[in-house]
Amino acid sequence: MDVRQRAVNYLNIKPRTCMQVKKYLSGKGCSDEEILEAVKELEEYHYIDDRRYCRLYFEYGFEKGRGIARIKRELGEKGISRDIIESEYEELAEVPDQFEMALVIGEDMIRGVDMEALEYEERGKLKAKIGRRLMTRGFSPEVAYKVIGALIK
């Protein structure tokens, strides 16, 4: 199978970054020259477009309840340059309110918990648990502290 055809088949599954396509083709034993030529051609025809991928990934991340920091980190891991990530973030038409997103996650975590019955130590553990969850979801420490303060008095 031709290198371009392998790349197109790989891209037909779902959108990919330039780095992901290069890595895939390299793993299939294609030469560096073939890979560069195929990737260049696919970029010209917009089969590979890191900027478009970045925009779509921001939307996907927000839908999944992820914070900005996590989305940016994941894009970097997928081979998108910091410049592209930042410029696409700046151009986003709508960025969901990070506090509101995090508050929903925190509220889900305390649903059914009798806050009045919690001992001081148990409250501390719950605060830490909420903080860890929000941080792993990509929310800033400031947002996490604000949510914890709003939920646990």
N, C-alpha and C. Protein backbone atom coordinates (compact mmCIF):
# COMPACT_ATOMS: atom_id res chain seq x y z
N MET A 1 0.86 -1.20 0.00
CA MET A 1 0.00 0.00 0.00
C MET A 1 0.89 1.24 0.00
N ASP A 2 0.50 2.19 -0.75
CA ASP A 2 1.20 3.47 -0.91
C ASP A 2 1.11 4.29 0.39
N VAL A 3 2.14 5.09 0.66
CA VAL A 3 2.23 5.87 1.89
C VAL A 3 1.05 6.83 2.01
N ARG A 4 0.71 7.52 0.93
CA ARG A 4 -0.41 8.45 0.97
C ARG A 4 -1.71 7.73 1.32
N GLN A 5 -1.90 6.57 0.73
CA GLN A 5 -3.13 5.81 0.98
C GLN A 5 -3.21 5.37 2.43
N ARG A 6 -2.08 4.95 3.01
CA ARG A 6 -2.04 4.58 4.43
C ARG A 6 -2.44 5.78 5.29
N ALA A 7 -1.88 6.94 4.96
CA ALA A 7 -2.16 8.15 5.73
C ALA A 7 -3.63 8.54 5.61
N VAL A 8 -4.17 8.48 4.41
CA VAL A 8 -5.58 8.84 4.20
C VAL A 8 -6.49 7.87 4.95
N ASN A 9 -6.17 6.59 4.91
CA ASN A 9 -6.97 5.61 5.65
C ASN A 9 -6.93 5.91 7.15
N TYR A 10 -5.77 6.28 7.65
CA TYR A 10 -5.59 6.63 9.06
C TYR A 10 -6.40 7.88 9.41
N LEU A 11 -6.41 8.85 8.50
CA LEU A 11 -7.14 10.10 8.73
C LEU A 11 -8.66 9.92 8.58
N ASN A 12 -9.07 8.90 7.85
CA ASN A 12 -10.51 8.67 7.67
C ASN A 12 -11.17 8.20 8.96
N ILE A 13 -10.40 7.66 9.88
CA ILE A 13 -10.96 7.19 11.14
C ILE A 13 -11.40 8.38 11.99
N LYS A 14 -10.49 9.37 12.12
CA LYS A 14 -10.79 10.61 12.84
C LYS A 14 -9.69 11.61 12.52
N PRO A 15 -9.92 12.89 12.78
CA PRO A 15 -8.87 13.89 12.50
C PRO A 15 -7.61 13.59 13.32
N ARG A 16 -6.46 13.91 12.74
CA ARG A 16 -5.18 13.67 13.41
C ARG A 16 -4.28 14.89 13.20
N THR A 17 -3.29 15.00 14.07
CA THR A 17 -2.30 16.05 13.92
C THR A 17 -1.21 15.57 12.98
N CYS A 18 -0.40 16.51 12.55
CA CYS A 18 0.72 16.19 11.68
C CYS A 18 1.65 15.18 12.36
N MET A 19 1.95 15.42 13.63
CA MET A 19 2.85 14.53 14.37
C MET A 19 2.26 13.13 14.48
N GLN A 20 0.97 13.01 14.72
CA GLN A 20 0.35 11.70 14.84
C GLN A 20 0.45 10.92 13.53
N VAL A 21 0.25 11.60 12.41
CA VAL A 21 0.34 10.94 11.11
C VAL A 21 1.78 10.50 10.85
N LYS A 22 2.74 11.37 11.12
CA LYS A 22 4.15 11.01 10.92
C LYS A 22 4.53 9.80 11.77
N LYS A 23 4.11 9.81 13.01
CA LYS A 23 4.42 8.71 13.93
C LYS A 23 3.80 7.40 13.44
N TYR A 24 2.56 7.47 12.99
CA TYR A 24 1.86 6.29 12.48
C TYR A 24 2.59 5.72 11.26
N LEU A 25 2.91 6.58 10.31
CA LEU A 25 3.57 6.12 9.09
C LEU A 25 4.96 5.57 9.38
N SER A 26 5.63 6.20 10.32
CA SER A 26 6.95 5.72 10.72
C SER A 26 6.84 4.32 11.32
N GLY A 27 5.82 4.10 12.11
CA GLY A 27 5.59 2.79 12.71
C GLY A 27 5.23 1.72 11.69
N LYS A 28 4.76 2.14 10.54
CA LYS A 28 4.42 1.21 9.46
C LYS A 28 5.62 0.94 8.56
N GLY A 29 6.78 1.51 8.92
CA GLY A 29 8.00 1.22 8.17
C GLY A 29 8.24 2.10 6.97
N CYS A 30 7.55 3.20 6.87
CA CYS A 30 7.75 4.12 5.74
C CYS A 30 9.02 4.93 5.97
N SER A 31 9.68 5.31 4.88
CA SER A 31 10.91 6.10 4.99
C SER A 31 10.57 7.54 5.34
N ASP A 32 11.53 8.25 5.92
CA ASP A 32 11.33 9.65 6.29
C ASP A 32 10.98 10.50 5.08
N GLU A 33 11.63 10.24 3.95
CA GLU A 33 11.36 11.00 2.72
C GLU A 33 9.91 10.81 2.27
N GLU A 34 9.46 9.56 2.26
CA GLU A 34 8.09 9.27 1.85
C GLU A 34 7.09 9.95 2.79
N ILE A 35 7.39 9.88 4.08
CA ILE A 35 6.49 10.46 5.08
C ILE A 35 6.38 11.97 4.88
N LEU A 36 7.53 12.64 4.76
CA LEU A 36 7.52 14.09 4.59
C LEU A 36 6.77 14.50 3.33
N GLU A 37 6.99 13.77 2.25
CA GLU A 37 6.32 14.08 0.98
C GLU A 37 4.80 13.89 1.11
N ALA A 38 4.39 12.78 1.71
CA ALA A 38 2.96 12.50 1.86
C ALA A 38 2.30 13.51 2.78
N VAL A 39 2.95 13.83 3.89
CA VAL A 39 2.38 14.78 4.85
C VAL A 39 2.26 16.16 4.22
N LYS A 40 3.28 16.57 3.47
CA LYS A 40 3.23 17.88 2.82
C LYS A 40 2.04 17.94 1.86
N GLU A 41 1.86 16.90 1.08
CA GLU A 41 0.75 16.87 0.13
C GLU A 41 -0.60 16.89 0.87
N LEU A 42 -0.72 16.12 1.94
CA LEU A 42 -1.98 16.06 2.69
C LEU A 42 -2.27 17.39 3.39
N GLU A 43 -1.24 18.11 3.79
CA GLU A 43 -1.44 19.44 4.37
C GLU A 43 -1.92 20.44 3.32
N GLU A 44 -1.39 20.31 2.11
CA GLU A 44 -1.81 21.20 1.02
C GLU A 44 -3.30 21.03 0.71
N TYR A 45 -3.77 19.79 0.79
CA TYR A 45 -5.18 19.51 0.53
C TYR A 45 -6.05 19.59 1.79
N HIS A 46 -5.45 20.03 2.88
CA HIS A 46 -6.13 20.23 4.17
C HIS A 46 -6.69 18.94 4.78
N TYR A 47 -6.10 17.80 4.42
CA TYR A 47 -6.45 16.57 5.12
C TYR A 47 -5.82 16.59 6.51
N ILE A 48 -4.67 17.23 6.59
CA ILE A 48 -4.00 17.46 7.87
C ILE A 48 -3.98 18.96 8.08
N ASP A 49 -4.57 19.41 9.19
CA ASP A 49 -4.62 20.83 9.50
C ASP A 49 -4.58 20.98 11.02
N ASP A 50 -3.40 21.26 11.54
CA ASP A 50 -3.23 21.34 12.99
C ASP A 50 -4.07 22.46 13.62
N ARG A 51 -4.26 23.54 12.90
CA ARG A 51 -5.07 24.64 13.44
C ARG A 51 -6.53 24.23 13.58
N ARG A 52 -7.07 23.60 12.57
CA ARG A 52 -8.46 23.13 12.62
C ARG A 52 -8.61 22.07 13.70
N TYR A 53 -7.62 21.17 13.77
CA TYR A 53 -7.64 20.13 14.81
C TYR A 53 -7.69 20.77 16.19
N CYS A 54 -6.90 21.80 16.39
CA CYS A 54 -6.82 22.50 17.66
C CYS A 54 -8.18 23.10 18.04
N ARG A 55 -8.82 23.76 17.10
CA ARG A 55 -10.14 24.36 17.36
C ARG A 55 -11.16 23.27 17.75
N LEU A 56 -11.16 22.20 16.99
CA LEU A 56 -12.09 21.11 17.26
C LEU A 56 -11.82 20.48 18.63
N TYR A 57 -10.55 20.38 18.98
CA TYR A 57 -10.19 19.75 20.25
C TYR A 57 -10.58 20.62 21.44
N PHE A 58 -10.48 21.93 21.28
CA PHE A 58 -10.96 22.82 22.34
C PHE A 58 -12.45 22.59 22.57
N GLU A 59 -13.23 22.56 21.50
CA GLU A 59 -14.67 22.34 21.62
C GLU A 59 -14.96 21.00 22.28
N TYR A 60 -14.25 19.96 21.84
CA TYR A 60 -14.41 18.62 22.40
C TYR A 60 -14.09 18.62 23.90
N GLY A 61 -12.98 19.24 24.27
CA GLY A 61 -12.57 19.28 25.67
C GLY A 61 -13.58 20.00 26.55
N PHE A 62 -14.10 21.12 26.06
CA PHE A 62 -15.11 21.85 26.83
C PHE A 62 -16.37 21.01 27.01
N GLU A 63 -16.77 20.29 25.96
CA GLU A 63 -17.94 19.43 26.05
C GLU A 63 -17.74 18.33 27.09
N LYS A 64 -16.51 17.87 27.23
CA LYS A 64 -16.19 16.80 28.18
C LYS A 64 -15.94 17.33 29.59
N GLY A 65 -16.06 18.63 29.79
CA GLY A 65 -15.88 19.21 31.12
C GLY A 65 -14.43 19.36 31.53
N ARG A 66 -13.57 19.57 30.58
CA ARG A 66 -12.15 19.73 30.87
C ARG A 66 -11.79 21.20 30.97
N GLY A 67 -10.81 21.48 31.81
CA GLY A 67 -10.33 22.83 31.97
C GLY A 67 -9.35 23.20 30.87
N ILE A 68 -9.07 24.47 30.75
CA ILE A 68 -8.20 24.98 29.70
C ILE A 68 -6.80 24.40 29.80
N ALA A 69 -6.25 24.32 31.01
CA ALA A 69 -4.89 23.81 31.17
C ALA A 69 -4.76 22.38 30.65
N ARG A 70 -5.73 21.54 30.94
CA ARG A 70 -5.66 20.15 30.48
C ARG A 70 -5.77 20.07 28.96
N ILE A 71 -6.67 20.83 28.39
CA ILE A 71 -6.84 20.81 26.93
C ILE A 71 -5.55 21.25 26.25
N LYS A 72 -4.95 22.32 26.75
CA LYS A 72 -3.69 22.80 26.16
C LYS A 72 -2.59 21.77 26.30
N ARG A 73 -2.51 21.12 27.46
CA ARG A 73 -1.48 20.09 27.67
C ARG A 73 -1.68 18.93 26.70
N GLU A 74 -2.91 18.48 26.55
CA GLU A 74 -3.19 17.36 25.65
C GLU A 74 -2.88 17.71 24.20
N LEU A 75 -3.18 18.94 23.80
CA LEU A 75 -2.84 19.37 22.44
C LEU A 75 -1.32 19.35 22.23
N GLY A 76 -0.59 19.81 23.24
CA GLY A 76 0.88 19.77 23.17
C GLY A 76 1.39 18.34 23.03
N GLU A 77 0.78 17.41 23.75
CA GLU A 77 1.17 16.00 23.67
C GLU A 77 0.87 15.42 22.30
N LYS A 78 -0.08 16.00 21.60
CA LYS A 78 -0.44 15.53 20.26
C LYS A 78 0.41 16.19 19.17
N GLY A 79 1.35 17.02 19.61
CA GLY A 79 2.29 17.61 18.66
C GLY A 79 1.94 18.99 18.15
N ILE A 80 0.94 19.63 18.72
CA ILE A 80 0.58 20.98 18.30
C ILE A 80 1.52 21.96 19.00
N SER A 81 2.05 22.91 18.25
CA SER A 81 2.99 23.87 18.84
C SER A 81 2.27 24.83 19.77
N ARG A 82 3.01 25.35 20.74
CA ARG A 82 2.44 26.30 21.71
C ARG A 82 1.87 27.53 21.00
N ASP A 83 2.56 27.99 19.95
CA ASP A 83 2.09 29.17 19.22
C ASP A 83 0.70 28.93 18.62
N ILE A 84 0.52 27.76 18.01
CA ILE A 84 -0.77 27.44 17.40
C ILE A 84 -1.83 27.31 18.48
N ILE A 85 -1.49 26.63 19.57
CA ILE A 85 -2.46 26.45 20.67
C ILE A 85 -2.91 27.81 21.20
N GLU A 86 -1.97 28.67 21.47
CA GLU A 86 -2.31 29.98 22.03
C GLU A 86 -3.10 30.84 21.05
N SER A 87 -2.69 30.84 19.77
CA SER A 87 -3.41 31.67 18.80
C SER A 87 -4.82 31.16 18.57
N GLU A 88 -5.00 29.84 18.54
CA GLU A 88 -6.34 29.29 18.36
C GLU A 88 -7.20 29.51 19.60
N TYR A 89 -6.58 29.45 20.77
CA TYR A 89 -7.33 29.74 22.01
C TYR A 89 -7.82 31.18 22.00
N GLU A 90 -6.95 32.10 21.59
CA GLU A 90 -7.33 33.52 21.54
C GLU A 90 -8.46 33.77 20.56
N GLU A 91 -8.53 32.97 19.50
CA GLU A 91 -9.54 33.17 18.46
C GLU A 91 -10.86 32.46 18.74
N LEU A 92 -10.92 31.69 19.83
CA LEU A 92 -12.17 30.99 20.14
C LEU A 92 -13.29 32.00 20.34
N ALA A 93 -14.41 31.72 19.72
CA ALA A 93 -15.56 32.62 19.83
C ALA A 93 -16.17 32.54 21.22
N GLU A 94 -16.18 31.34 21.78
CA GLU A 94 -16.83 31.14 23.06
C GLU A 94 -15.99 30.23 23.94
N VAL A 95 -15.62 30.72 25.11
CA VAL A 95 -14.92 29.91 26.09
C VAL A 95 -15.84 29.80 27.31
N PRO A 96 -16.23 28.58 27.65
CA PRO A 96 -17.13 28.43 28.80
C PRO A 96 -16.47 28.96 30.09
N ASP A 97 -17.28 29.47 30.98
CA ASP A 97 -16.80 29.98 32.25
C ASP A 97 -16.21 28.81 33.05
N GLN A 98 -14.92 28.92 33.36
CA GLN A 98 -14.21 27.84 34.04
C GLN A 98 -14.78 27.58 35.44
N PHE A 99 -15.15 28.64 36.14
CA PHE A 99 -15.72 28.46 37.47
C PHE A 99 -17.02 27.69 37.41
N GLU A 100 -17.89 28.05 36.48
CA GLU A 100 -19.18 27.38 36.35
C GLU A 100 -19.01 25.90 36.00
N MET A 101 -18.08 25.61 35.08
CA MET A 101 -17.82 24.21 34.72
C MET A 101 -17.33 23.42 35.93
N ALA A 102 -16.39 24.01 36.67
CA ALA A 102 -15.81 23.34 37.83
C ALA A 102 -16.84 23.19 38.95
N LEU A 103 -17.70 24.19 39.09
CA LEU A 103 -18.73 24.14 40.13
C LEU A 103 -19.69 22.96 39.90
N VAL A 104 -20.03 22.71 38.66
CA VAL A 104 -20.91 21.57 38.33
C VAL A 104 -20.24 20.26 38.75
N ILE A 105 -18.95 20.13 38.47
CA ILE A 105 -18.22 18.92 38.85
C ILE A 105 -18.19 18.78 40.38
N GLY A 106 -17.91 19.88 41.06
CA GLY A 106 -17.88 19.85 42.51
C GLY A 106 -19.23 19.52 43.12
N GLU A 107 -20.28 20.09 42.56
CA GLU A 107 -21.64 19.80 43.05
C GLU A 107 -21.98 18.33 42.90
N ASP A 108 -21.56 17.75 41.76
CA ASP A 108 -21.80 16.32 41.56
C ASP A 108 -21.09 15.49 42.63
N MET A 109 -19.92 15.95 43.03
CA MET A 109 -19.13 15.19 44.02
C MET A 109 -19.75 15.24 45.42
N ILE A 110 -20.44 16.31 45.74
CA ILE A 110 -21.00 16.41 47.11
C ILE A 110 -22.48 16.06 47.16
N ARG A 111 -23.05 15.71 46.02
CA ARG A 111 -24.47 15.35 45.99
C ARG A 111 -24.69 14.16 46.92
N GLY A 112 -25.64 14.29 47.81
CA GLY A 112 -25.95 13.20 48.73
C GLY A 112 -25.12 13.19 50.00
N VAL A 113 -24.15 14.10 50.12
CA VAL A 113 -23.31 14.18 51.32
C VAL A 113 -23.95 15.15 52.30
N ASP A 114 -24.13 14.69 53.52
CA ASP A 114 -24.69 15.54 54.57
C ASP A 114 -23.55 16.39 55.13
N MET A 115 -23.45 17.63 54.66
CA MET A 115 -22.34 18.50 55.05
C MET A 115 -22.37 18.83 56.54
N GLU A 116 -23.56 18.90 57.13
CA GLU A 116 -23.68 19.24 58.55
C GLU A 116 -23.13 18.13 59.43
N ALA A 117 -23.22 16.89 58.96
CA ALA A 117 -22.78 15.75 59.76
C ALA A 117 -21.28 15.49 59.66
N LEU A 118 -20.60 16.15 58.73
CA LEU A 118 -19.17 15.89 58.54
C LEU A 118 -18.33 16.50 59.66
N GLU A 119 -17.39 15.71 60.14
CA GLU A 119 -16.42 16.20 61.12
C GLU A 119 -15.42 17.09 60.40
N TYR A 120 -14.65 17.84 61.16
CA TYR A 120 -13.64 18.76 60.60
C TYR A 120 -12.67 18.02 59.69
N GLU A 121 -12.17 16.87 60.14
CA GLU A 121 -11.20 16.09 59.35
C GLU A 121 -11.82 15.58 58.05
N GLU A 122 -13.06 15.14 58.14
CA GLU A 122 -13.76 14.65 56.95
C GLU A 122 -13.99 15.77 55.94
N ARG A 123 -14.28 16.96 56.43
CA ARG A 123 -14.43 18.12 55.54
C ARG A 123 -13.12 18.40 54.80
N GLY A 124 -12.04 18.31 55.54
CA GLY A 124 -10.72 18.53 54.93
C GLY A 124 -10.42 17.52 53.84
N LYS A 125 -10.76 16.26 54.09
CA LYS A 125 -10.56 15.21 53.09
C LYS A 125 -11.42 15.46 51.86
N LEU A 126 -12.66 15.90 52.08
CA LEU A 126 -13.56 16.18 50.97
C LEU A 126 -13.05 17.36 50.14
N LYS A 127 -12.56 18.39 50.82
CA LYS A 127 -11.98 19.54 50.12
C LYS A 127 -10.81 19.10 49.25
N ALA A 128 -9.94 18.26 49.83
CA ALA A 128 -8.77 17.78 49.09
C ALA A 128 -9.19 16.95 47.88
N LYS A 129 -10.20 16.12 48.07
CA LYS A 129 -10.68 15.26 46.98
C LYS A 129 -11.24 16.10 45.83
N ILE A 130 -12.03 17.11 46.17
CA ILE A 130 -12.59 18.00 45.15
C ILE A 130 -11.45 18.75 44.44
N GLY A 131 -10.51 19.26 45.21
CA GLY A 131 -9.38 19.98 44.64
C GLY A 131 -8.58 19.11 43.67
N ARG A 132 -8.29 17.88 44.07
CA ARG A 132 -7.54 16.96 43.18
C ARG A 132 -8.31 16.70 41.90
N ARG A 133 -9.61 16.45 42.03
CA ARG A 133 -10.42 16.17 40.84
C ARG A 133 -10.39 17.35 39.87
N LEU A 134 -10.57 18.55 40.41
CA LEU A 134 -10.60 19.73 39.54
C LEU A 134 -9.24 19.99 38.90
N MET A 135 -8.18 19.77 39.66
CA MET A 135 -6.83 19.99 39.11
C MET A 135 -6.53 18.98 37.99
N THR A 136 -6.93 17.72 38.17
CA THR A 136 -6.68 16.73 37.12
C THR A 136 -7.54 17.00 35.89
N ARG A 137 -8.66 17.68 36.10
CA ARG A 137 -9.51 18.05 34.97
C ARG A 137 -8.99 19.27 34.23
N GLY A 138 -7.94 19.91 34.77
CA GLY A 138 -7.32 21.03 34.07
C GLY A 138 -7.76 22.40 34.53
N PHE A 139 -8.38 22.49 35.69
CA PHE A 139 -8.79 23.79 36.21
C PHE A 139 -7.66 24.37 37.05
N SER A 140 -7.56 25.68 37.06
CA SER A 140 -6.49 26.36 37.79
C SER A 140 -6.71 26.21 39.30
N PRO A 141 -5.63 26.35 40.08
CA PRO A 141 -5.79 26.30 41.55
C PRO A 141 -6.76 27.36 42.05
N GLU A 142 -6.74 28.54 41.42
CA GLU A 142 -7.65 29.61 41.84
C GLU A 142 -9.11 29.19 41.69
N VAL A 143 -9.42 28.57 40.56
CA VAL A 143 -10.79 28.12 40.31
C VAL A 143 -11.15 27.02 41.31
N ALA A 144 -10.22 26.09 41.56
CA ALA A 144 -10.48 25.00 42.50
C ALA A 144 -10.77 25.54 43.89
N TYR A 145 -9.95 26.48 44.36
CA TYR A 145 -10.16 27.06 45.69
C TYR A 145 -11.49 27.80 45.77
N LYS A 146 -11.83 28.49 44.70
CA LYS A 146 -13.08 29.25 44.67
C LYS A 146 -14.28 28.30 44.74
N VAL A 147 -14.20 27.17 44.01
CA VAL A 147 -15.29 26.19 44.02
C VAL A 147 -15.40 25.54 45.40
N ILE A 148 -14.28 25.17 45.97
CA ILE A 148 -14.30 24.55 47.30
C ILE A 148 -14.90 25.52 48.31
N GLY A 149 -14.53 26.78 48.24
CA GLY A 149 -15.08 27.79 49.14
C GLY A 149 -16.58 27.97 48.97
N ALA A 150 -17.04 27.84 47.74
CA ALA A 150 -18.48 28.00 47.47
C ALA A 150 -19.29 26.79 47.94
N LEU A 151 -18.66 25.62 47.91
CA LEU A 151 -19.41 24.39 48.24
C LEU A 151 -19.32 23.99 49.71
N ILE A 152 -18.18 24.23 50.32
CA ILE A 152 -17.96 23.76 51.69
C ILE A 152 -17.68 24.95 52.58
N LYS A 153 -18.58 25.19 53.49
CA LYS A 153 -18.44 26.34 54.39
C LYS A 153 -17.75 25.92 55.66
